[in-house]
Structure formats: structure tokens, C-alpha cells
């Protein structure tokens, strides 16, 4: 049986012939925008804390990318 994956010579655990789609980035943008919208509707309107909003915006981007990469990328 032929192996469909091509591994890197230097790093044998890295597959080199993987094609990435833009679905992960589009899903990241959607999740990030939706989370910022929901945060501003629920919390920012009530207390108006700009520092907390900035921290939420900074920490929710990697989380949105992790969620979209988990659900929309290929194993």
C-alpha cells in the first residue's frame, strides 16, 4: 500500500504536501467577530470597561483560531 503523505527529511513528523484551505481563516473571522459582538452587547454596554474589552479582544483571537482549526481543518 502506498503512503499518500510526504514527510520532511529533517523532521520526520512533519507532512509537507498538505494543502490548506481558506475555510479556517473565514471561520476564525466569523467566530472572532461574533464573540466581539456578543461581548459588547452583554458586558461592554453595562460597565464600559475598555481595559477588559481590549483584553477580551486580544485573548479571543487565538481562541477563535483554535476552535476553527479544530472544527474546519483536516486531520
N, C-alpha and C. Protein backbone atom coordinates (compact mmCIF):
# COMPACT_ATOMS: atom_id res chain seq x y z
N UNK A 1 0.85 -1.18 0.00
CA UNK A 1 0.00 0.00 0.00
C UNK A 1 0.89 1.24 0.00
N UNK A 2 0.56 2.15 -0.84
CA UNK A 2 1.36 3.36 -1.00
C UNK A 2 0.94 4.44 0.01
N UNK A 3 1.91 5.11 0.59
CA UNK A 3 1.64 6.15 1.59
C UNK A 3 1.30 7.46 0.87
N UNK A 4 0.15 8.07 1.14
CA UNK A 4 -0.23 9.31 0.44
C UNK A 4 0.46 10.56 0.98
N UNK A 5 1.21 10.44 2.07
CA UNK A 5 1.82 11.60 2.69
C UNK A 5 3.30 11.65 2.39
N UNK A 6 3.82 12.86 2.26
CA UNK A 6 5.25 13.07 2.06
C UNK A 6 5.79 13.76 3.31
N UNK A 7 6.73 13.09 3.99
CA UNK A 7 7.27 13.62 5.23
C UNK A 7 8.57 14.35 4.98
N UNK A 8 8.85 15.32 5.83
CA UNK A 8 10.08 16.11 5.72
C UNK A 8 11.27 15.25 6.15
N UNK A 9 12.41 15.45 5.47
CA UNK A 9 13.60 14.66 5.78
C UNK A 9 14.20 15.06 7.13
N UNK A 10 14.19 16.34 7.45
CA UNK A 10 14.77 16.83 8.71
C UNK A 10 13.89 16.53 9.90
N UNK A 11 12.58 16.69 9.71
CA UNK A 11 11.61 16.49 10.78
C UNK A 11 10.63 15.40 10.33
N UNK A 12 10.82 14.17 10.76
CA UNK A 12 10.01 13.07 10.22
C UNK A 12 8.54 13.10 10.65
N UNK A 13 8.16 13.98 11.56
CA UNK A 13 6.75 14.04 11.95
C UNK A 13 5.98 15.12 11.19
N UNK A 14 6.66 15.89 10.33
CA UNK A 14 6.04 16.98 9.60
C UNK A 14 5.67 16.51 8.19
N UNK A 15 4.40 16.66 7.84
CA UNK A 15 3.93 16.32 6.50
C UNK A 15 4.05 17.56 5.63
N UNK A 16 4.67 17.43 4.45
CA UNK A 16 4.96 18.60 3.62
C UNK A 16 3.95 18.84 2.51
N UNK A 17 3.22 17.84 2.05
CA UNK A 17 2.32 18.03 0.91
C UNK A 17 0.87 18.25 1.33
N UNK A 18 0.65 19.04 2.35
CA UNK A 18 -0.71 19.33 2.84
C UNK A 18 -1.20 20.62 2.20
N UNK A 19 -2.40 20.59 1.64
CA UNK A 19 -2.99 21.79 1.05
C UNK A 19 -3.94 22.40 2.07
N UNK A 20 -3.76 23.68 2.32
CA UNK A 20 -4.59 24.37 3.31
C UNK A 20 -5.71 25.13 2.59
N UNK A 21 -6.87 25.12 3.18
CA UNK A 21 -7.98 25.86 2.60
C UNK A 21 -8.21 27.15 3.39
N UNK A 22 -8.96 28.06 2.81
CA UNK A 22 -9.26 29.33 3.47
C UNK A 22 -10.43 29.22 4.43
N UNK A 23 -11.02 28.05 4.56
CA UNK A 23 -12.17 27.87 5.43
C UNK A 23 -11.81 28.17 6.89
N UNK A 24 -10.61 27.80 7.29
CA UNK A 24 -10.20 28.02 8.68
C UNK A 24 -10.13 29.52 8.97
N UNK A 25 -9.57 30.29 8.04
CA UNK A 25 -9.45 31.72 8.27
C UNK A 25 -10.80 32.43 8.21
N UNK A 26 -11.68 31.99 7.33
CA UNK A 26 -13.02 32.59 7.29
C UNK A 26 -13.80 32.26 8.55
N UNK A 27 -13.68 31.03 9.02
CA UNK A 27 -14.37 30.65 10.26
C UNK A 27 -13.78 31.39 11.46
N UNK A 28 -12.47 31.62 11.45
CA UNK A 28 -11.84 32.38 12.53
C UNK A 28 -12.39 33.80 12.57
N UNK A 29 -12.49 34.43 11.42
CA UNK A 29 -13.04 35.78 11.36
C UNK A 29 -14.47 35.84 11.82
N UNK A 30 -15.26 34.85 11.43
CA UNK A 30 -16.66 34.84 11.84
C UNK A 30 -16.80 34.63 13.35
N UNK A 31 -16.06 33.67 13.90
CA UNK A 31 -16.14 33.40 15.34
C UNK A 31 -15.63 34.60 16.13
N UNK A 32 -14.55 35.22 15.66
CA UNK A 32 -13.98 36.37 16.36
C UNK A 32 -14.95 37.56 16.34
N UNK A 33 -15.52 37.84 15.17
CA UNK A 33 -16.46 38.96 15.07
C UNK A 33 -17.72 38.69 15.90
N UNK A 34 -18.20 37.46 15.88
CA UNK A 34 -19.39 37.13 16.66
C UNK A 34 -19.12 37.24 18.16
N UNK A 35 -17.94 36.81 18.58
CA UNK A 35 -17.64 36.89 20.02
C UNK A 35 -17.47 38.34 20.47
N UNK A 36 -16.86 39.18 19.63
CA UNK A 36 -16.75 40.60 19.99
C UNK A 36 -18.12 41.27 20.03
N UNK A 37 -18.98 40.91 19.09
CA UNK A 37 -20.33 41.47 19.08
C UNK A 37 -21.11 41.06 20.33
N UNK A 38 -21.02 39.77 20.66
CA UNK A 38 -21.75 39.30 21.85
C UNK A 38 -21.17 39.89 23.13
N UNK A 39 -19.84 40.06 23.19
CA UNK A 39 -19.23 40.67 24.37
C UNK A 39 -19.68 42.12 24.53
N UNK A 40 -19.70 42.84 23.42
CA UNK A 40 -20.09 44.25 23.52
C UNK A 40 -21.57 44.40 23.88
N UNK A 41 -22.41 43.49 23.41
CA UNK A 41 -23.83 43.55 23.75
C UNK A 41 -24.09 43.19 25.21
N UNK A 42 -23.33 42.25 25.73
CA UNK A 42 -23.62 41.75 27.07
C UNK A 42 -22.87 42.49 28.18
N UNK A 43 -21.57 42.77 27.96
CA UNK A 43 -20.75 43.30 29.06
C UNK A 43 -20.30 44.74 28.84
N UNK A 44 -19.84 45.07 27.64
CA UNK A 44 -19.28 46.40 27.42
C UNK A 44 -20.33 47.49 27.57
N UNK A 45 -21.56 47.19 27.18
CA UNK A 45 -22.62 48.18 27.31
C UNK A 45 -22.96 48.45 28.77
N UNK A 46 -22.78 47.45 29.62
CA UNK A 46 -23.17 47.58 31.02
C UNK A 46 -22.13 48.35 31.82
N UNK A 47 -20.85 47.90 31.75
CA UNK A 47 -19.85 48.54 32.61
C UNK A 47 -18.91 49.48 31.86
N UNK A 48 -18.75 49.35 30.56
CA UNK A 48 -17.91 50.26 29.79
C UNK A 48 -16.43 50.16 30.10
N UNK A 49 -15.96 49.03 30.55
CA UNK A 49 -14.56 48.83 30.91
C UNK A 49 -13.75 48.57 29.64
N UNK A 50 -12.98 49.55 29.21
CA UNK A 50 -12.20 49.43 27.99
C UNK A 50 -11.02 48.49 28.11
N UNK A 51 -10.43 48.41 29.30
CA UNK A 51 -9.29 47.51 29.51
C UNK A 51 -9.75 46.05 29.40
N UNK A 52 -10.87 45.73 29.99
CA UNK A 52 -11.40 44.38 29.89
C UNK A 52 -11.80 44.05 28.46
N UNK A 53 -12.34 45.03 27.75
CA UNK A 53 -12.71 44.80 26.36
C UNK A 53 -11.48 44.56 25.49
N UNK A 54 -10.41 45.31 25.74
CA UNK A 54 -9.17 45.09 24.99
C UNK A 54 -8.55 43.75 25.30
N UNK A 55 -8.58 43.35 26.57
CA UNK A 55 -8.05 42.04 26.94
C UNK A 55 -8.88 40.92 26.32
N UNK A 56 -10.19 41.10 26.31
CA UNK A 56 -11.05 40.09 25.69
C UNK A 56 -10.76 40.00 24.19
N UNK A 57 -10.60 41.14 23.54
CA UNK A 57 -10.31 41.13 22.11
C UNK A 57 -8.96 40.48 21.82
N UNK A 58 -7.98 40.71 22.68
CA UNK A 58 -6.65 40.13 22.46
C UNK A 58 -6.64 38.62 22.69
N UNK A 59 -7.35 38.16 23.71
CA UNK A 59 -7.31 36.74 24.03
C UNK A 59 -8.34 35.92 23.27
N UNK A 60 -9.34 36.54 22.69
CA UNK A 60 -10.33 35.76 21.97
C UNK A 60 -9.90 35.43 20.54
N UNK A 61 -8.94 36.17 19.99
CA UNK A 61 -8.48 35.85 18.63
C UNK A 61 -7.76 34.50 18.58
N UNK A 62 -6.80 34.21 19.45
CA UNK A 62 -6.21 32.86 19.40
C UNK A 62 -7.22 31.75 19.72
N UNK A 63 -8.17 32.04 20.58
CA UNK A 63 -9.18 31.03 20.89
C UNK A 63 -10.07 30.77 19.68
N UNK A 64 -10.45 31.83 18.96
CA UNK A 64 -11.26 31.66 17.76
C UNK A 64 -10.51 30.86 16.70
N UNK A 65 -9.21 31.11 16.56
CA UNK A 65 -8.40 30.36 15.60
C UNK A 65 -8.30 28.90 16.01
N UNK A 66 -8.13 28.64 17.29
CA UNK A 66 -8.03 27.26 17.76
C UNK A 66 -9.34 26.51 17.53
N UNK A 67 -10.47 27.13 17.82
CA UNK A 67 -11.76 26.48 17.58
C UNK A 67 -11.97 26.21 16.10
N UNK A 68 -11.70 27.18 15.25
CA UNK A 68 -11.94 26.98 13.83
C UNK A 68 -10.96 25.98 13.23
N UNK A 69 -9.72 25.95 13.72
CA UNK A 69 -8.77 24.96 13.21
C UNK A 69 -9.17 23.55 13.66
N UNK A 70 -9.72 23.43 14.86
CA UNK A 70 -10.17 22.12 15.33
C UNK A 70 -11.35 21.60 14.52
N UNK A 71 -12.31 22.48 14.23
CA UNK A 71 -13.53 22.01 13.56
C UNK A 71 -13.45 22.02 12.04
N UNK A 72 -12.66 22.90 11.43
CA UNK A 72 -12.72 23.07 9.98
C UNK A 72 -11.45 22.66 9.23
N UNK A 73 -10.42 22.19 9.91
CA UNK A 73 -9.23 21.76 9.19
C UNK A 73 -9.19 20.25 9.10
N UNK A 74 -8.36 19.78 8.22
CA UNK A 74 -8.22 18.34 8.03
C UNK A 74 -7.22 17.79 9.03
N UNK A 75 -7.44 16.57 9.45
CA UNK A 75 -6.52 15.94 10.39
C UNK A 75 -5.21 15.62 9.71
